[in-house]
C-alpha atoms as a PDB file:
ATOM      1  CA  MET A   1       7.805   7.194  -2.158  1.00  0.00           C
ATOM      2  CA  THR A   2       5.682   6.329   0.868  1.00  0.00           C
ATOM      3  CA  VAL A   3       1.974   5.517   0.787  1.00  0.00           C
ATOM      4  CA  THR A   4      -0.529   4.574   3.459  1.00  0.00           C
ATOM      5  CA  THR A   5      -3.414   2.203   3.004  1.00  0.00           C
ATOM      6  CA  GLN A   6      -5.794   5.024   3.921  1.00  0.00           C
ATOM      7  CA  ASP A   7      -4.391   7.292   1.176  1.00  0.00           C
ATOM      8  CA  PHE A   8      -4.616   4.454  -1.346  1.00  0.00           C
ATOM      9  CA  VAL A   9      -8.272   3.791  -0.451  1.00  0.00           C
ATOM     10  CA  ARG A  10      -9.090   7.529  -0.662  1.00  0.00           C
ATOM     11  CA  GLN A  11      -7.588   7.766  -4.141  1.00  0.00           C
ATOM     12  CA  LEU A  12      -9.505   4.676  -5.286  1.00  0.00           C
ATOM     13  CA  GLU A  13     -12.759   6.222  -4.045  1.00  0.00           C
ATOM     14  CA  LEU A  14     -12.158   9.209  -6.331  1.00  0.00           C
ATOM     15  CA  LEU A  15     -12.335   6.684  -9.189  1.00  0.00           C
ATOM     16  CA  ASN A  16     -15.484   5.070  -7.754  1.00  0.00           C
ATOM     17  CA  TRP A  17     -13.639   1.961  -6.489  1.00  0.00           C
ATOM     18  CA  HIS A  18     -14.474   0.985  -2.924  1.00  0.00           C
ATOM     19  CA  PHE A  19     -11.951  -1.159  -1.051  1.00  0.00           C
ATOM     20  CA  SER A  20     -11.749  -1.837   2.658  1.00  0.00           C
ATOM     21  CA  LEU A  21      -8.330  -1.367   4.261  1.00  0.00           C
ATOM     22  CA  ARG A  22      -7.940  -5.163   4.277  1.00  0.00           C
ATOM     23  CA  GLU A  23      -8.812  -5.454   0.571  1.00  0.00           C
ATOM     24  CA  ALA A  24      -6.416  -2.627  -0.268  1.00  0.00           C
ATOM     25  CA  ASN A  25      -3.568  -4.306   1.632  1.00  0.00           C
ATOM     26  CA  GLN A  26      -4.248  -7.587  -0.155  1.00  0.00           C
ATOM     27  CA  TRP A  27      -4.212  -5.805  -3.521  1.00  0.00           C
ATOM     28  CA  ILE A  28      -0.944  -4.000  -2.747  1.00  0.00           C
ATOM     29  CA  LYS A  29       0.736  -7.226  -1.607  1.00  0.00           C
ATOM     30  CA  SER A  30      -0.372  -9.241  -4.632  1.00  0.00           C
ATOM     31  CA  ASN A  31       0.053  -6.594  -7.359  1.00  0.00           C
ATOM     32  CA  THR A  32       3.190  -4.681  -6.449  1.00  0.00           C
ATOM     33  CA  ALA A  33       6.738  -5.907  -6.084  1.00  0.00           C
ATOM     34  CA  THR A  34       8.472  -2.684  -5.112  1.00  0.00           C
ATOM     35  CA  PHE A  35       6.639  -1.704  -1.908  1.00  0.00           C
ATOM     36  CA  ARG A  36       7.496  -2.985   1.579  1.00  0.00           C
ATOM     37  CA  ASP A  37       5.388  -2.729   4.699  1.00  0.00           C
ATOM     38  CA  ILE A  38       7.178  -0.380   7.117  1.00  0.00           C
ATOM     39  CA  SER A  39       4.258  -0.029   9.542  1.00  0.00           C
ATOM     40  CA  GLU A  40       5.103   0.467  13.191  1.00  0.00           C
ATOM     41  CA  GLN A  41       1.639  -0.510  14.433  1.00  0.00           C
ATOM     42  CA  ASP A  42      -0.599  -3.561  14.157  1.00  0.00           C
ATOM     43  CA  GLY A  43      -3.856  -3.567  12.231  1.00  0.00           C
ATOM     44  CA  GLU A  44      -4.927  -2.838   8.680  1.00  0.00           C
ATOM     45  CA  ALA A  45      -3.701   0.789   8.613  1.00  0.00           C
ATOM     46  CA  LYS A  46      -0.376   0.079   6.910  1.00  0.00           C
ATOM     47  CA  THR A  47       2.434   2.263   5.616  1.00  0.00           C
ATOM     48  CA  TYR A  48       4.364   1.108   2.554  1.00  0.00           C
ATOM     49  CA  LYS A  49       7.668   2.423   1.241  1.00  0.00           C
ATOM     50  CA  GLN A  50       8.873   1.944  -2.307  1.00  0.00           C
ATOM     51  CA  PHE A  51      12.271   0.341  -2.696  1.00  0.00           C
ATOM     52  CA  ASN A  52      14.547  -0.641  -5.559  1.00  0.00           C
ATOM     53  CA  PRO A  53      14.602  -4.457  -5.793  1.00  0.00           C
ATOM     54  CA  ASN A  54      17.840  -4.279  -7.809  1.00  0.00           C
ATOM     55  CA  GLY A  55      19.810  -2.779  -4.934  1.00  0.00           C
ATOM     56  CA  GLY A  56      20.017   0.665  -6.506  1.00  0.00           C
ATOM     57  CA  ILE A  57      21.269  -0.462  -9.903  1.00  0.00           C
END
């Protein structure tokens, strides 16, 4: 699974939660353990990919 910060923020807005891209990135980093930043650009528009922390076990 791949998710962008922009998609995450859009989905939160549907639930009446309003995060900036920076706030969303901070939330993702502090509340998820299975997503890694795979962004190829600088800035707050990040792309995260889900990975298996157990090495596929």
